[in-house]
Amino acid sequence: MENDCLFCRIAGGQTDTTFIYEDDNLVVFKDINPHAPVHWLVVPKKHIRSINDLTESDQDLVALMIDTARRMAEKAGIARPGYKLLFNVESGGGQVIFHLHLHLLGGWERK
């Protein structure tokens, strides 16, 4: 855990954040600045700064993040209508919190 990392503190239970899901490797919680009716973050407990900092040993963790997001989409009722999964990478790619996380976005009404 990085002491100055917000997501490390959240994943470590050091904030009052309510988890939608938690296991030994990940937590899922609502984004505080949502861009969709469902905007949840899938965050590993292990501190990894960015996609650019992944190592070969992190492959299973990334696969777990994606599978967890799929299961959370089902839980939220957005799996069949559809949803987005998004990794922001580095400042130029929109990353603001430098702890790897996956955005699950969905719930928009069809027009």
Protein backbone atom coordinates (compact mmCIF):
# COMPACT_ATOMS: atom_id res chain seq x y z
CA MET A 1 0.00 0.00 0.00
CA GLU A 2 1.15 3.49 -0.87
CA ASN A 3 0.47 5.86 2.04
CA ASP A 4 -0.32 8.82 -0.20
CA CYS A 5 -2.59 6.86 -2.56
CA LEU A 6 -6.33 7.50 -2.19
CA PHE A 7 -7.34 4.18 -3.74
CA CYS A 8 -4.93 2.28 -1.47
CA ARG A 9 -6.62 3.91 1.53
CA ILE A 10 -10.08 3.13 0.15
CA ALA A 11 -9.22 -0.50 -0.72
CA GLY A 12 -7.58 -0.89 2.68
CA GLY A 13 -10.77 0.13 4.45
CA GLN A 14 -9.32 3.38 5.79
CA THR A 15 -12.20 5.52 4.50
CA ASP A 16 -15.97 5.36 4.89
CA THR A 17 -16.42 4.16 1.31
CA THR A 18 -19.17 1.58 0.89
CA PHE A 19 -18.11 -1.40 -1.18
CA ILE A 20 -20.50 -2.95 -3.67
CA TYR A 21 -18.16 -5.93 -3.81
CA GLU A 22 -14.96 -7.03 -2.08
CA ASP A 23 -12.73 -10.08 -2.23
CA ASP A 24 -9.09 -10.77 -1.38
CA ASN A 25 -7.85 -8.95 -4.49
CA LEU A 26 -10.39 -6.26 -5.45
CA VAL A 27 -12.96 -3.78 -4.28
CA VAL A 28 -15.81 -2.25 -6.26
CA PHE A 29 -17.42 1.05 -5.30
CA LYS A 30 -19.36 3.94 -6.82
CA ASP A 31 -17.43 6.72 -8.54
CA ILE A 32 -17.90 10.00 -6.62
CA ASN A 33 -18.16 11.92 -9.89
CA PRO A 34 -20.36 9.62 -12.01
CA HIS A 35 -20.55 9.98 -15.79
CA ALA A 36 -23.37 7.44 -16.15
CA PRO A 37 -26.33 6.20 -14.11
CA VAL A 38 -24.11 3.25 -13.14
CA HIS A 39 -20.48 4.30 -12.73
CA TRP A 40 -18.56 1.89 -10.54
CA LEU A 41 -14.82 1.46 -10.10
CA VAL A 42 -13.09 -1.92 -9.97
CA VAL A 43 -9.90 -1.37 -7.97
CA PRO A 44 -7.19 -3.89 -7.09
CA LYS A 45 -5.97 -3.90 -3.51
CA LYS A 46 -2.42 -4.20 -4.83
CA HIS A 47 -0.97 -0.81 -5.72
CA ILE A 48 -0.17 -0.64 -9.42
CA ARG A 49 0.30 2.92 -10.62
CA SER A 50 -1.04 2.56 -14.17
CA ILE A 51 -1.58 0.14 -17.06
CA ASN A 52 1.95 1.15 -18.11
CA ASP A 53 3.29 -0.32 -14.86
CA LEU A 54 1.77 -3.79 -15.27
CA THR A 55 4.11 -6.75 -15.27
CA GLU A 56 3.63 -10.24 -16.65
CA SER A 57 2.73 -11.38 -13.13
CA ASP A 58 -0.27 -8.99 -13.13
CA GLN A 59 -2.06 -10.70 -16.04
CA ASP A 60 -4.35 -12.75 -13.79
CA LEU A 61 -5.26 -9.65 -11.79
CA VAL A 62 -6.29 -7.71 -14.91
CA ALA A 63 -8.35 -10.67 -16.11
CA LEU A 64 -9.99 -10.80 -12.67
CA MET A 65 -10.80 -7.08 -12.87
CA ILE A 66 -12.53 -7.54 -16.23
CA ASP A 67 -14.45 -10.61 -15.09
CA THR A 68 -15.51 -8.84 -11.90
CA ALA A 69 -16.74 -5.88 -13.96
CA ARG A 70 -18.78 -8.29 -16.10
CA ARG A 71 -20.36 -9.81 -12.99
CA MET A 72 -21.02 -6.37 -11.52
CA ALA A 73 -22.75 -5.33 -14.77
CA GLU A 74 -25.06 -8.32 -14.32
CA LYS A 75 -25.67 -7.33 -10.69
CA ALA A 76 -26.50 -3.75 -11.75
CA GLY A 77 -28.89 -4.96 -14.46
CA ILE A 78 -26.92 -3.38 -17.29
CA ALA A 79 -25.32 -6.47 -18.84
CA ARG A 80 -27.92 -7.08 -21.56
CA PRO A 81 -28.61 -3.48 -22.59
CA GLY A 82 -24.84 -2.90 -22.65
CA TYR A 83 -22.09 -1.09 -20.81
CA LYS A 84 -18.58 0.31 -21.19
CA LEU A 85 -15.35 -0.76 -19.54
CA LEU A 86 -12.66 1.91 -19.47
CA PHE A 87 -9.07 2.17 -18.32
CA ASN A 88 -7.68 5.73 -18.38
CA VAL A 89 -3.91 5.55 -18.84
CA GLU A 90 -1.63 8.37 -17.67
CA SER A 91 -2.58 12.05 -17.55
CA GLY A 92 -2.89 12.34 -21.32
CA GLY A 93 -5.41 9.50 -21.28
CA GLY A 94 -7.48 11.03 -18.49
CA GLN A 95 -6.02 9.17 -15.50
CA VAL A 96 -6.41 11.31 -12.38
CA ILE A 97 -5.84 8.79 -9.58
CA PHE A 98 -2.56 6.97 -10.15
CA HIS A 99 -3.69 3.57 -8.93
CA LEU A 100 -4.91 1.12 -11.55
CA HIS A 101 -8.71 1.04 -11.79
CA LEU A 102 -11.37 -0.01 -14.26
CA HIS A 103 -14.50 2.07 -14.86
CA LEU A 104 -17.79 0.23 -15.35
CA LEU A 105 -20.29 2.60 -16.98
CA GLY A 106 -23.85 1.97 -18.11
CA GLY A 107 -27.51 2.39 -17.45
CA TRP A 108 -28.28 4.94 -20.11
CA GLU A 109 -31.80 4.77 -21.48
CA ARG A 110 -32.16 3.81 -25.09
CA LYS A 111 -33.64 6.51 -27.30
